[in-house]
Amino acid sequence: MSQSPSPARTRTGIGEILLNVIRGGLIALAELVPGISGGTIALVVGVYERALDAGNDLITLAKSFLTDRPNIRRNARAVDWGLIIPVGTGMLLTVFALAGVMKSFVENQPEISRSLFLGMVAASIMVPLRMVDRTDLRKRGAVAGILFVVAATGTFVLTGFTAAENTSPALPLVFVAAAFAVCALVLPGVSGSFLLLALGLYGFVLGAVHDRDLTVIAVFVAGAGTGIILFIRLLGYLMHQHRTLTLVTMAGLMLGSLRALWPWQTADAELLTPSGNVGVSALFIVIGAGAVVGTLLAERMTQHRNHQVKALRDLS
């Protein structure tokens, strides 16, 4: 049985199209930086829910080519193309323009870049925890605690094997990493670039984009498309049916993965004690955390403003 498409959208003016291109650029810029969530930025710029609806409509359209051909046109009209196309354009332009800059920063300033990203990701852990329902958490406290510890410990151990930069990863690994990384666009507070960094693929993927390596780009896009089709609906199910446990597990994964961002480590991801310009590293940790906290405060202010606007509309 086919999914009912969303109602058709109204036409989008030139000004709104240009604004959506800028929004897409901001979302992509966030996704290029480990620790900053594109989903969070989508919330801040006011397109998060529309983008989720459009994504589901795109999935429905794709499925209709295989199982529901009579409704292809109807499903195509339901897609919010006025959002999808300009936002996607802004994201692509930003990624291709800045991938080389980010790759150079990570390679030439490893200690400073890891310090910056460590602060960002550490501050981002509060996002899934803030979304937890306290009443439900009290009911599931024991299970939630176990999942948090297992997720954090397991990820800490695993990133010890994978945190070092992989200069020539197998293409299947790139495919799988892309499939999981794209899910970060759905979950505010979760960074897809951080996942790539934890797997040792961040520099490699940015380099492939900068060098226009079409083979790697094609594999990454295919993996991302697969992730959108398979994992987004799975995550949606988990968030609806097991929201508290999913969010707590997510926080544990983020905490354990901080090992990959420890500023002082060897090329083989062996952790070292702080040395050298410790003060500079500490400063960038604070800057990274401050950037995330500022983003989250902007998100909260945006949500509060939207609630006020909605309340005024309901009264009028």
C-alpha atoms as a PDB file:
ATOM      1  CA  MET A   1       0.000   0.000   0.000  1.00  0.00           C
ATOM      2  CA  SER A   2       1.481   3.334  -1.020  1.00  0.00           C
ATOM      3  CA  GLN A   3       2.036   6.136   1.442  1.00  0.00           C
ATOM      4  CA  SER A   4      -0.204   9.146   1.030  1.00  0.00           C
ATOM      5  CA  PRO A   5       1.797  12.089  -0.175  1.00  0.00           C
ATOM      6  CA  SER A   6       1.858  15.405   1.572  1.00  0.00           C
ATOM      7  CA  PRO A   7      -0.402  18.130   0.251  1.00  0.00           C
ATOM      8  CA  ALA A   8       0.920  20.122  -2.658  1.00  0.00           C
ATOM      9  CA  ARG A   9       2.930  23.191  -1.698  1.00  0.00           C
ATOM     10  CA  THR A  10       2.411  26.717  -2.858  1.00  0.00           C
ATOM     11  CA  ARG A  11       4.758  28.238  -5.396  1.00  0.00           C
ATOM     12  CA  THR A  12       8.040  29.578  -4.116  1.00  0.00           C
ATOM     13  CA  GLY A  13       9.187  33.082  -5.071  1.00  0.00           C
ATOM     14  CA  ILE A  14      12.696  34.069  -6.172  1.00  0.00           C
ATOM     15  CA  GLY A  15      13.487  35.574  -2.774  1.00  0.00           C
ATOM     16  CA  GLU A  16      12.505  32.390  -0.964  1.00  0.00           C
ATOM     17  CA  ILE A  17      14.498  30.285  -3.440  1.00  0.00           C
ATOM     18  CA  LEU A  18      17.645  32.347  -2.843  1.00  0.00           C
ATOM     19  CA  LEU A  19      17.068  32.161   0.899  1.00  0.00           C
ATOM     20  CA  ASN A  20      16.785  28.374   0.658  1.00  0.00           C
ATOM     21  CA  VAL A  21      20.091  28.241  -1.242  1.00  0.00           C
ATOM     22  CA  ILE A  22      21.694  30.145   1.646  1.00  0.00           C
ATOM     23  CA  ARG A  23      20.021  27.826   4.150  1.00  0.00           C
ATOM     24  CA  GLY A  24      21.410  24.829   2.293  1.00  0.00           C
ATOM     25  CA  GLY A  25      24.866  26.374   2.370  1.00  0.00           C
ATOM     26  CA  LEU A  26      24.680  26.869   6.133  1.00  0.00           C
ATOM     27  CA  ILE A  27      23.511  23.279   6.657  1.00  0.00           C
ATOM     28  CA  ALA A  28      26.361  21.950   4.500  1.00  0.00           C
ATOM     29  CA  LEU A  29      28.887  24.156   6.282  1.00  0.00           C
ATOM     30  CA  ALA A  30      27.741  22.635   9.565  1.00  0.00           C
ATOM     31  CA  GLU A  31      28.053  19.113   8.165  1.00  0.00           C
ATOM     32  CA  LEU A  32      31.640  19.809   7.078  1.00  0.00           C
ATOM     33  CA  VAL A  33      32.604  20.545  10.687  1.00  0.00           C
ATOM     34  CA  PRO A  34      32.707  17.544  13.050  1.00  0.00           C
ATOM     35  CA  GLY A  35      30.538  18.253  16.075  1.00  0.00           C
ATOM     36  CA  ILE A  36      28.146  20.691  14.416  1.00  0.00           C
ATOM     37  CA  SER A  37      24.932  19.006  13.335  1.00  0.00           C
ATOM     38  CA  GLY A  38      23.313  19.863  10.026  1.00  0.00           C
ATOM     39  CA  GLY A  39      20.010  18.848  11.590  1.00  0.00           C
ATOM     40  CA  THR A  40      20.475  21.434  14.321  1.00  0.00           C
ATOM     41  CA  ILE A  41      21.224  24.156  11.760  1.00  0.00           C
ATOM     42  CA  ALA A  42      18.149  23.092   9.778  1.00  0.00           C
ATOM     43  CA  LEU A  43      16.127  23.708  12.938  1.00  0.00           C
ATOM     44  CA  VAL A  44      17.747  27.101  13.462  1.00  0.00           C
ATOM     45  CA  VAL A  45      17.060  28.302   9.904  1.00  0.00           C
ATOM     46  CA  GLY A  46      13.495  27.008  10.039  1.00  0.00           C
ATOM     47  CA  VAL A  47      13.435  24.225   7.427  1.00  0.00           C
ATOM     48  CA  TYR A  48      13.842  21.096   9.578  1.00  0.00           C
ATOM     49  CA  GLU A  49      10.266  19.807   9.524  1.00  0.00           C
ATOM     50  CA  ARG A  50       9.732  20.775   5.878  1.00  0.00           C
ATOM     51  CA  ALA A  51      12.931  18.967   4.942  1.00  0.00           C
ATOM     52  CA  LEU A  52      11.835  15.824   6.798  1.00  0.00           C
ATOM     53  CA  ASP A  53       8.464  15.888   5.040  1.00  0.00           C
ATOM     54  CA  ALA A  54      10.157  16.459   1.687  1.00  0.00           C
ATOM     55  CA  GLY A  55      12.554  13.588   2.349  1.00  0.00           C
ATOM     56  CA  ASN A  56       9.696  11.215   3.079  1.00  0.00           C
ATOM     57  CA  ASP A  57       7.893  12.410  -0.056  1.00  0.00           C
ATOM     58  CA  LEU A  58      11.035  11.755  -2.111  1.00  0.00           C
ATOM     59  CA  ILE A  59      11.236   8.224  -0.724  1.00  0.00           C
ATOM     60  CA  THR A  60       7.578   7.687  -1.604  1.00  0.00           C
ATOM     61  CA  LEU A  61       8.248   8.982  -5.128  1.00  0.00           C
ATOM     62  CA  ALA A  62      11.253   6.685  -5.540  1.00  0.00           C
ATOM     63  CA  LYS A  63       9.227   3.690  -4.367  1.00  0.00           C
ATOM     64  CA  SER A  64       6.409   4.546  -6.761  1.00  0.00           C
ATOM     65  CA  PHE A  65       8.741   3.971  -9.731  1.00  0.00           C
ATOM     66  CA  LEU A  66       8.976   0.346  -8.596  1.00  0.00           C
ATOM     67  CA  THR A  67       5.642  -0.469  -6.994  1.00  0.00           C
ATOM     68  CA  ASP A  68       3.145   2.327  -7.687  1.00  0.00           C
ATOM     69  CA  ARG A  69       3.656   3.600 -11.247  1.00  0.00           C
ATOM     70  CA  PRO A  70       0.097   4.920 -11.711  1.00  0.00           C
ATOM     71  CA  ASN A  71       0.719   7.453  -8.917  1.00  0.00           C
ATOM     72  CA  ILE A  72       4.161   8.697 -10.032  1.00  0.00           C
ATOM     73  CA  ARG A  73       2.866  12.096 -11.166  1.00  0.00           C
ATOM     74  CA  ARG A  74       0.755  12.595  -8.051  1.00  0.00           C
ATOM     75  CA  ASN A  75       3.680  11.672  -5.793  1.00  0.00           C
ATOM     76  CA  ALA A  76       6.035  13.928  -7.780  1.00  0.00           C
ATOM     77  CA  ARG A  77       3.676  16.895  -7.331  1.00  0.00           C
ATOM     78  CA  ALA A  78       3.633  16.251  -3.584  1.00  0.00           C
ATOM     79  CA  VAL A  79       7.408  16.760  -3.238  1.00  0.00           C
ATOM     80  CA  ASP A  80       8.438  20.195  -1.963  1.00  0.00           C
ATOM     81  CA  TRP A  81      10.746  20.911  -4.914  1.00  0.00           C
ATOM     82  CA  GLY A  82      10.837  24.600  -3.977  1.00  0.00           C
ATOM     83  CA  LEU A  83      12.754  23.539  -0.872  1.00  0.00           C
ATOM     84  CA  ILE A  84      14.629  20.436  -2.027  1.00  0.00           C
ATOM     85  CA  ILE A  85      16.261  21.869  -5.163  1.00  0.00           C
ATOM     86  CA  PRO A  86      17.602  25.199  -3.786  1.00  0.00           C
ATOM     87  CA  VAL A  87      18.645  23.706  -0.437  1.00  0.00           C
ATOM     88  CA  GLY A  88      20.388  20.843  -2.234  1.00  0.00           C
ATOM     89  CA  THR A  89      22.074  23.310  -4.590  1.00  0.00           C
ATOM     90  CA  GLY A  90      23.351  25.396  -1.693  1.00  0.00           C
ATOM     91  CA  MET A  91      24.683  22.295   0.042  1.00  0.00           C
ATOM     92  CA  LEU A  92      26.523  21.031  -3.041  1.00  0.00           C
ATOM     93  CA  LEU A  93      28.090  24.417  -3.812  1.00  0.00           C
ATOM     94  CA  THR A  94      29.314  24.786  -0.227  1.00  0.00           C
ATOM     95  CA  VAL A  95      30.735  21.265  -0.007  1.00  0.00           C
ATOM     96  CA  PHE A  96      32.695  21.573  -3.257  1.00  0.00           C
ATOM     97  CA  ALA A  97      33.916  25.071  -2.373  1.00  0.00           C
ATOM     98  CA  LEU A  98      35.099  24.372   1.174  1.00  0.00           C
ATOM     99  CA  ALA A  99      36.078  20.682   1.224  1.00  0.00           C
ATOM    100  CA  GLY A 100      39.691  21.496   0.365  1.00  0.00           C
ATOM    101  CA  VAL A 101      39.900  24.171   3.061  1.00  0.00           C
ATOM    102  CA  MET A 102      38.664  21.794   5.758  1.00  0.00           C
ATOM    103  CA  LYS A 103      40.972  18.996   4.575  1.00  0.00           C
ATOM    104  CA  SER A 104      43.972  21.330   4.730  1.00  0.00           C
ATOM    105  CA  PHE A 105      43.013  22.480   8.232  1.00  0.00           C
ATOM    106  CA  VAL A 106      42.723  18.908   9.549  1.00  0.00           C
ATOM    107  CA  GLU A 107      45.972  17.749   7.925  1.00  0.00           C
ATOM    108  CA  ASN A 108      48.144  20.789   8.677  1.00  0.00           C
ATOM    109  CA  GLN A 109      46.810  21.584  12.165  1.00  0.00           C
ATOM    110  CA  PRO A 110      45.931  18.164  13.637  1.00  0.00           C
ATOM    111  CA  GLU A 111      46.260  19.125  17.299  1.00  0.00           C
ATOM    112  CA  ILE A 112      44.322  22.373  16.973  1.00  0.00           C
ATOM    113  CA  SER A 113      41.635  20.852  14.733  1.00  0.00           C
ATOM    114  CA  ARG A 114      41.094  17.918  17.103  1.00  0.00           C
ATOM    115  CA  SER A 115      40.921  20.332  20.048  1.00  0.00           C
ATOM    116  CA  LEU A 116      38.288  22.415  18.273  1.00  0.00           C
ATOM    117  CA  PHE A 117      36.262  19.350  17.293  1.00  0.00           C
ATOM    118  CA  LEU A 118      36.618  17.817  20.776  1.00  0.00           C
ATOM    119  CA  GLY A 119      34.980  20.869  22.315  1.00  0.00           C
ATOM    120  CA  MET A 120      32.214  20.812  19.716  1.00  0.00           C
ATOM    121  CA  VAL A 121      31.341  17.144  20.155  1.00  0.00           C
ATOM    122  CA  ALA A 122      31.615  17.215  23.955  1.00  0.00           C
ATOM    123  CA  ALA A 123      29.128  20.086  24.072  1.00  0.00           C
ATOM    124  CA  SER A 124      26.852  18.310  21.576  1.00  0.00           C
ATOM    125  CA  ILE A 125      26.331  15.387  23.967  1.00  0.00           C
ATOM    126  CA  MET A 126      23.819  17.535  25.830  1.00  0.00           C
ATOM    127  CA  VAL A 127      21.527  17.580  22.773  1.00  0.00           C
ATOM    128  CA  PRO A 128      20.196  14.001  22.899  1.00  0.00           C
ATOM    129  CA  LEU A 129      20.185  14.084  26.710  1.00  0.00           C
ATOM    130  CA  ARG A 130      18.141  17.292  26.669  1.00  0.00           C
ATOM    131  CA  MET A 131      15.575  15.594  24.429  1.00  0.00           C
ATOM    132  CA  VAL A 132      15.003  12.723  26.885  1.00  0.00           C
ATOM    133  CA  ASP A 133      11.635  12.585  28.648  1.00  0.00           C
ATOM    134  CA  ARG A 134      12.474  12.645  32.372  1.00  0.00           C
ATOM    135  CA  THR A 135       9.385  10.693  33.394  1.00  0.00           C
ATOM    136  CA  ASP A 136      10.136   7.905  30.927  1.00  0.00           C
ATOM    137  CA  LEU A 137      13.796   7.939  31.959  1.00  0.00           C
ATOM    138  CA  ARG A 138      12.839   7.242  35.572  1.00  0.00           C
ATOM    139  CA  LYS A 139      10.843   4.219  34.410  1.00  0.00           C
ATOM    140  CA  ARG A 140      13.657   2.879  32.222  1.00  0.00           C
ATOM    141  CA  GLY A 141      16.580   4.101  34.315  1.00  0.00           C
ATOM    142  CA  ALA A 142      18.384   0.763  34.696  1.00  0.00           C
ATOM    143  CA  VAL A 143      18.138  -0.227  31.037  1.00  0.00           C
ATOM    144  CA  ALA A 144      19.035   3.288  29.904  1.00  0.00           C
ATOM    145  CA  GLY A 145      22.086   3.325  32.173  1.00  0.00           C
ATOM    146  CA  ILE A 146      23.300  -0.021  30.853  1.00  0.00           C
ATOM    147  CA  LEU A 147      22.844   1.056  27.238  1.00  0.00           C
ATOM    148  CA  PHE A 148      24.686   4.325  27.899  1.00  0.00           C
ATOM    149  CA  VAL A 149      27.678   2.568  29.487  1.00  0.00           C
ATOM    150  CA  VAL A 150      27.809  -0.179  26.845  1.00  0.00           C
ATOM    151  CA  ALA A 151      27.557   2.341  23.996  1.00  0.00           C
ATOM    152  CA  ALA A 152      30.225   4.627  25.470  1.00  0.00           C
ATOM    153  CA  THR A 153      32.619   1.794  26.347  1.00  0.00           C
ATOM    154  CA  GLY A 154      32.157  -0.043  23.067  1.00  0.00           C
ATOM    155  CA  THR A 155      32.681   3.086  20.997  1.00  0.00           C
ATOM    156  CA  PHE A 156      35.732   4.086  23.044  1.00  0.00           C
ATOM    157  CA  VAL A 157      37.328   0.708  22.334  1.00  0.00           C
ATOM    158  CA  LEU A 158      36.341   0.617  18.665  1.00  0.00           C
ATOM    159  CA  THR A 159      37.591   4.116  17.885  1.00  0.00           C
ATOM    160  CA  GLY A 160      40.956   3.046  19.272  1.00  0.00           C
ATOM    161  CA  PHE A 161      41.248   0.807  16.230  1.00  0.00           C
ATOM    162  CA  THR A 162      39.744   3.164  13.677  1.00  0.00           C
ATOM    163  CA  ALA A 163      40.532   6.721  14.727  1.00  0.00           C
ATOM    164  CA  ALA A 164      43.787   7.016  12.746  1.00  0.00           C
ATOM    165  CA  GLU A 165      43.250   8.576   9.330  1.00  0.00           C
ATOM    166  CA  ASN A 166      42.696   5.940   6.650  1.00  0.00           C
ATOM    167  CA  THR A 167      44.342   7.156   3.443  1.00  0.00           C
ATOM    168  CA  SER A 168      43.067   4.353   1.198  1.00  0.00           C
ATOM    169  CA  PRO A 169      39.916   2.786   2.672  1.00  0.00           C
ATOM    170  CA  ALA A 170      37.980   0.069   0.888  1.00  0.00           C
ATOM    171  CA  LEU A 171      35.044   1.433  -1.088  1.00  0.00           C
ATOM    172  CA  PRO A 172      32.506  -0.740   0.816  1.00  0.00           C
ATOM    173  CA  LEU A 173      33.625   1.021   4.028  1.00  0.00           C
ATOM    174  CA  VAL A 174      33.033   4.396   2.359  1.00  0.00           C
ATOM    175  CA  PHE A 175      29.580   3.200   1.277  1.00  0.00           C
ATOM    176  CA  VAL A 176      28.592   2.064   4.790  1.00  0.00           C
ATOM    177  CA  ALA A 177      30.040   5.178   6.461  1.00  0.00           C
ATOM    178  CA  ALA A 178      28.062   7.416   4.092  1.00  0.00           C
ATOM    179  CA  ALA A 179      24.880   5.474   4.822  1.00  0.00           C
ATOM    180  CA  PHE A 180      25.244   6.124   8.541  1.00  0.00           C
ATOM    181  CA  ALA A 181      26.590   9.675   8.234  1.00  0.00           C
ATOM    182  CA  VAL A 182      23.562  10.862   6.254  1.00  0.00           C
ATOM    183  CA  CYS A 183      21.350   9.994   9.215  1.00  0.00           C
ATOM    184  CA  ALA A 184      22.901  12.966  11.020  1.00  0.00           C
ATOM    185  CA  LEU A 185      20.752  15.214   8.843  1.00  0.00           C
ATOM    186  CA  VAL A 186      17.699  13.721  10.543  1.00  0.00           C
ATOM    187  CA  LEU A 187      18.854  13.885  14.156  1.00  0.00           C
ATOM    188  CA  PRO A 188      19.701  17.347  15.525  1.00  0.00           C
ATOM    189  CA  GLY A 189      22.874  17.233  17.600  1.00  0.00           C
ATOM    190  CA  VAL A 190      24.458  14.332  15.713  1.00  0.00           C
ATOM    191  CA  SER A 191      27.320  15.168  13.351  1.00  0.00           C
ATOM    192  CA  GLY A 192      27.882  13.115  10.210  1.00  0.00           C
ATOM    193  CA  SER A 193      31.380  14.545   9.780  1.00  0.00           C
ATOM    194  CA  PHE A 194      32.242  13.428  13.293  1.00  0.00           C
ATOM    195  CA  LEU A 195      31.277   9.871  12.387  1.00  0.00           C
ATOM    196  CA  LEU A 196      33.599  10.056   9.382  1.00  0.00           C
ATOM    197  CA  LEU A 197      36.339  11.480  11.613  1.00  0.00           C
ATOM    198  CA  ALA A 198      35.888   8.684  14.161  1.00  0.00           C
ATOM    199  CA  LEU A 199      36.180   6.123  11.355  1.00  0.00           C
ATOM    200  CA  GLY A 200      39.313   7.767   9.998  1.00  0.00           C
ATOM    201  CA  LEU A 201      37.571   8.739   6.749  1.00  0.00           C
ATOM    202  CA  TYR A 202      37.071  12.480   7.206  1.00  0.00           C
ATOM    203  CA  GLY A 203      40.210  13.671   5.413  1.00  0.00           C
ATOM    204  CA  PHE A 204      39.890  11.003   2.732  1.00  0.00           C
ATOM    205  CA  VAL A 205      36.314  11.946   1.817  1.00  0.00           C
ATOM    206  CA  LEU A 206      37.057  15.689   1.805  1.00  0.00           C
ATOM    207  CA  GLY A 207      40.101  15.024  -0.368  1.00  0.00           C
ATOM    208  CA  ALA A 208      38.012  12.998  -2.808  1.00  0.00           C
ATOM    209  CA  VAL A 209      35.513  15.843  -3.109  1.00  0.00           C
ATOM    210  CA  HIS A 210      38.253  18.453  -3.516  1.00  0.00           C
ATOM    211  CA  ASP A 211      40.089  16.342  -6.138  1.00  0.00           C
ATOM    212  CA  ARG A 212      36.818  15.459  -7.936  1.00  0.00           C
ATOM    213  CA  ASP A 213      37.433  11.711  -7.479  1.00  0.00           C
ATOM    214  CA  LEU A 214      34.227  10.621  -9.190  1.00  0.00           C
ATOM    215  CA  THR A 215      34.533   6.967  -8.133  1.00  0.00           C
ATOM    216  CA  VAL A 216      34.695   7.764  -4.416  1.00  0.00           C
ATOM    217  CA  ILE A 217      32.055  10.483  -4.763  1.00  0.00           C
ATOM    218  CA  ALA A 218      29.706   8.083  -6.569  1.00  0.00           C
ATOM    219  CA  VAL A 219      30.164   5.399  -3.894  1.00  0.00           C
ATOM    220  CA  PHE A 220      29.593   7.953  -1.133  1.00  0.00           C
ATOM    221  CA  VAL A 221      26.442   9.299  -2.810  1.00  0.00           C
ATOM    222  CA  ALA A 222      25.151   5.750  -3.319  1.00  0.00           C
ATOM    223  CA  GLY A 223      25.761   4.985   0.351  1.00  0.00           C
ATOM    224  CA  ALA A 224      24.053   8.200   1.422  1.00  0.00           C
ATOM    225  CA  GLY A 225      21.061   7.389  -0.767  1.00  0.00           C
ATOM    226  CA  THR A 226      20.844   3.921   0.735  1.00  0.00           C
ATOM    227  CA  GLY A 227      21.020   5.421   4.219  1.00  0.00           C
ATOM    228  CA  ILE A 228      18.189   7.809   3.446  1.00  0.00           C
ATOM    229  CA  ILE A 229      15.987   4.973   2.201  1.00  0.00           C
ATOM    230  CA  LEU A 230      16.813   2.379   4.869  1.00  0.00           C
ATOM    231  CA  PHE A 231      18.019   4.041   8.055  1.00  0.00           C
ATOM    232  CA  ILE A 232      15.964   7.200   8.228  1.00  0.00           C
ATOM    233  CA  ARG A 233      12.728   5.258   8.586  1.00  0.00           C
ATOM    234  CA  LEU A 234      14.380   2.877  11.052  1.00  0.00           C
ATOM    235  CA  LEU A 235      15.579   5.831  13.117  1.00  0.00           C
ATOM    236  CA  GLY A 236      12.116   7.311  12.887  1.00  0.00           C
ATOM    237  CA  TYR A 237      10.676   4.076  14.262  1.00  0.00           C
ATOM    238  CA  LEU A 238      13.206   3.948  17.113  1.00  0.00           C
ATOM    239  CA  MET A 239      12.649   7.607  17.961  1.00  0.00           C
ATOM    240  CA  HIS A 240       8.881   7.063  18.135  1.00  0.00           C
ATOM    241  CA  GLN A 241       8.776   3.645  19.819  1.00  0.00           C
ATOM    242  CA  HIS A 242      11.925   3.716  21.989  1.00  0.00           C
ATOM    243  CA  ARG A 243      12.760   7.408  22.107  1.00  0.00           C
ATOM    244  CA  THR A 244      14.383   7.550  25.546  1.00  0.00           C
ATOM    245  CA  LEU A 245      16.581   4.487  25.055  1.00  0.00           C
ATOM    246  CA  THR A 246      17.595   5.640  21.574  1.00  0.00           C
ATOM    247  CA  LEU A 247      18.597   9.111  22.774  1.00  0.00           C
ATOM    248  CA  VAL A 248      20.539   7.770  25.757  1.00  0.00           C
ATOM    249  CA  THR A 249      22.367   5.269  23.543  1.00  0.00           C
ATOM    250  CA  MET A 250      23.164   8.072  21.119  1.00  0.00           C
ATOM    251  CA  ALA A 251      24.685  10.142  23.925  1.00  0.00           C
ATOM    252  CA  GLY A 252      26.802   7.159  24.978  1.00  0.00           C
ATOM    253  CA  LEU A 253      28.074   6.685  21.434  1.00  0.00           C
ATOM    254  CA  MET A 254      29.060  10.347  21.244  1.00  0.00           C
ATOM    255  CA  LEU A 255      30.834  10.224  24.612  1.00  0.00           C
ATOM    256  CA  GLY A 256      32.845   7.118  23.755  1.00  0.00           C
ATOM    257  CA  SER A 257      33.791   8.493  20.355  1.00  0.00           C
ATOM    258  CA  LEU A 258      35.573  11.459  21.943  1.00  0.00           C
ATOM    259  CA  ARG A 259      38.639   9.226  22.031  1.00  0.00           C
ATOM    260  CA  ALA A 260      39.063   9.848  18.298  1.00  0.00           C
ATOM    261  CA  LEU A 261      39.324  13.594  19.002  1.00  0.00           C
ATOM    262  CA  TRP A 262      41.856  13.577  21.834  1.00  0.00           C
ATOM    263  CA  PRO A 263      44.301  16.290  20.691  1.00  0.00           C
ATOM    264  CA  TRP A 264      47.426  14.427  21.750  1.00  0.00           C
ATOM    265  CA  GLN A 265      47.766  11.105  19.939  1.00  0.00           C
ATOM    266  CA  THR A 266      50.105   9.313  17.586  1.00  0.00           C
ATOM    267  CA  ALA A 267      49.432   8.566  13.918  1.00  0.00           C
ATOM    268  CA  ASP A 268      48.236   5.116  15.060  1.00  0.00           C
ATOM    269  CA  ALA A 269      45.668   6.661  17.426  1.00  0.00           C
ATOM    270  CA  GLU A 270      47.669   5.898  20.580  1.00  0.00           C
ATOM    271  CA  LEU A 271      46.651   8.386  23.275  1.00  0.00           C
ATOM    272  CA  LEU A 272      49.369  10.584  24.794  1.00  0.00           C
ATOM    273  CA  THR A 273      49.501  12.880  27.805  1.00  0.00           C
ATOM    274  CA  PRO A 274      49.037  16.615  27.092  1.00  0.00           C
ATOM    275  CA  SER A 275      52.205  18.326  25.889  1.00  0.00           C
ATOM    276  CA  GLY A 276      53.367  21.259  23.791  1.00  0.00           C
ATOM    277  CA  ASN A 277      50.971  24.204  23.480  1.00  0.00           C
ATOM    278  CA  VAL A 278      48.453  22.892  25.995  1.00  0.00           C
ATOM    279  CA  GLY A 279      47.027  26.367  26.555  1.00  0.00           C
ATOM    280  CA  VAL A 280      46.309  26.843  22.847  1.00  0.00           C
ATOM    281  CA  SER A 281      44.625  23.441  22.644  1.00  0.00           C
ATOM    282  CA  ALA A 282      42.538  24.233  25.721  1.00  0.00           C
ATOM    283  CA  LEU A 283      41.503  27.545  24.160  1.00  0.00           C
ATOM    284  CA  PHE A 284      40.278  25.822  20.996  1.00  0.00           C
ATOM    285  CA  ILE A 285      38.388  23.251  23.066  1.00  0.00           C
ATOM    286  CA  VAL A 286      36.556  26.132  24.740  1.00  0.00           C
ATOM    287  CA  ILE A 287      35.954  27.848  21.382  1.00  0.00           C
ATOM    288  CA  GLY A 288      34.521  24.632  19.922  1.00  0.00           C
ATOM    289  CA  ALA A 289      32.227  24.074  22.871  1.00  0.00           C
ATOM    290  CA  GLY A 290      31.146  27.706  22.774  1.00  0.00           C
ATOM    291  CA  ALA A 291      30.243  27.457  19.086  1.00  0.00           C
ATOM    292  CA  VAL A 292      27.939  24.515  19.762  1.00  0.00           C
ATOM    293  CA  VAL A 293      26.377  26.107  22.838  1.00  0.00           C
ATOM    294  CA  GLY A 294      25.749  29.269  20.832  1.00  0.00           C
ATOM    295  CA  THR A 295      24.117  27.239  18.059  1.00  0.00           C
ATOM    296  CA  LEU A 296      21.898  25.441  20.562  1.00  0.00           C
ATOM    297  CA  LEU A 297      20.867  28.725  22.179  1.00  0.00           C
ATOM    298  CA  ALA A 298      19.987  30.098  18.737  1.00  0.00           C
ATOM    299  CA  GLU A 299      17.956  26.950  18.075  1.00  0.00           C
ATOM    300  CA  ARG A 300      16.063  27.376  21.356  1.00  0.00           C
ATOM    301  CA  MET A 301      15.357  31.043  20.615  1.00  0.00           C
ATOM    302  CA  THR A 302      14.122  30.102  17.128  1.00  0.00           C
ATOM    303  CA  GLN A 303      11.783  27.458  18.523  1.00  0.00           C
ATOM    304  CA  HIS A 304      10.483  29.891  21.153  1.00  0.00           C
ATOM    305  CA  ARG A 305       9.840  32.519  18.482  1.00  0.00           C
ATOM    306  CA  ASN A 306       8.051  29.974  16.279  1.00  0.00           C
ATOM    307  CA  HIS A 307       5.830  28.944  19.203  1.00  0.00           C
ATOM    308  CA  GLN A 308       4.953  32.589  19.827  1.00  0.00           C
ATOM    309  CA  VAL A 309       4.104  33.150  16.152  1.00  0.00           C
ATOM    310  CA  LYS A 310       1.949  30.024  16.123  1.00  0.00           C
ATOM    311  CA  ALA A 311       0.154  31.125  19.289  1.00  0.00           C
ATOM    312  CA  LEU A 312      -0.582  34.533  17.767  1.00  0.00           C
ATOM    313  CA  ARG A 313      -1.917  32.900  14.612  1.00  0.00           C
ATOM    314  CA  ASP A 314      -4.156  30.618  16.657  1.00  0.00           C
ATOM    315  CA  LEU A 315      -5.573  33.629  18.484  1.00  0.00           C
ATOM    316  CA  SER A 316      -6.244  35.612  15.299  1.00  0.00           C
END
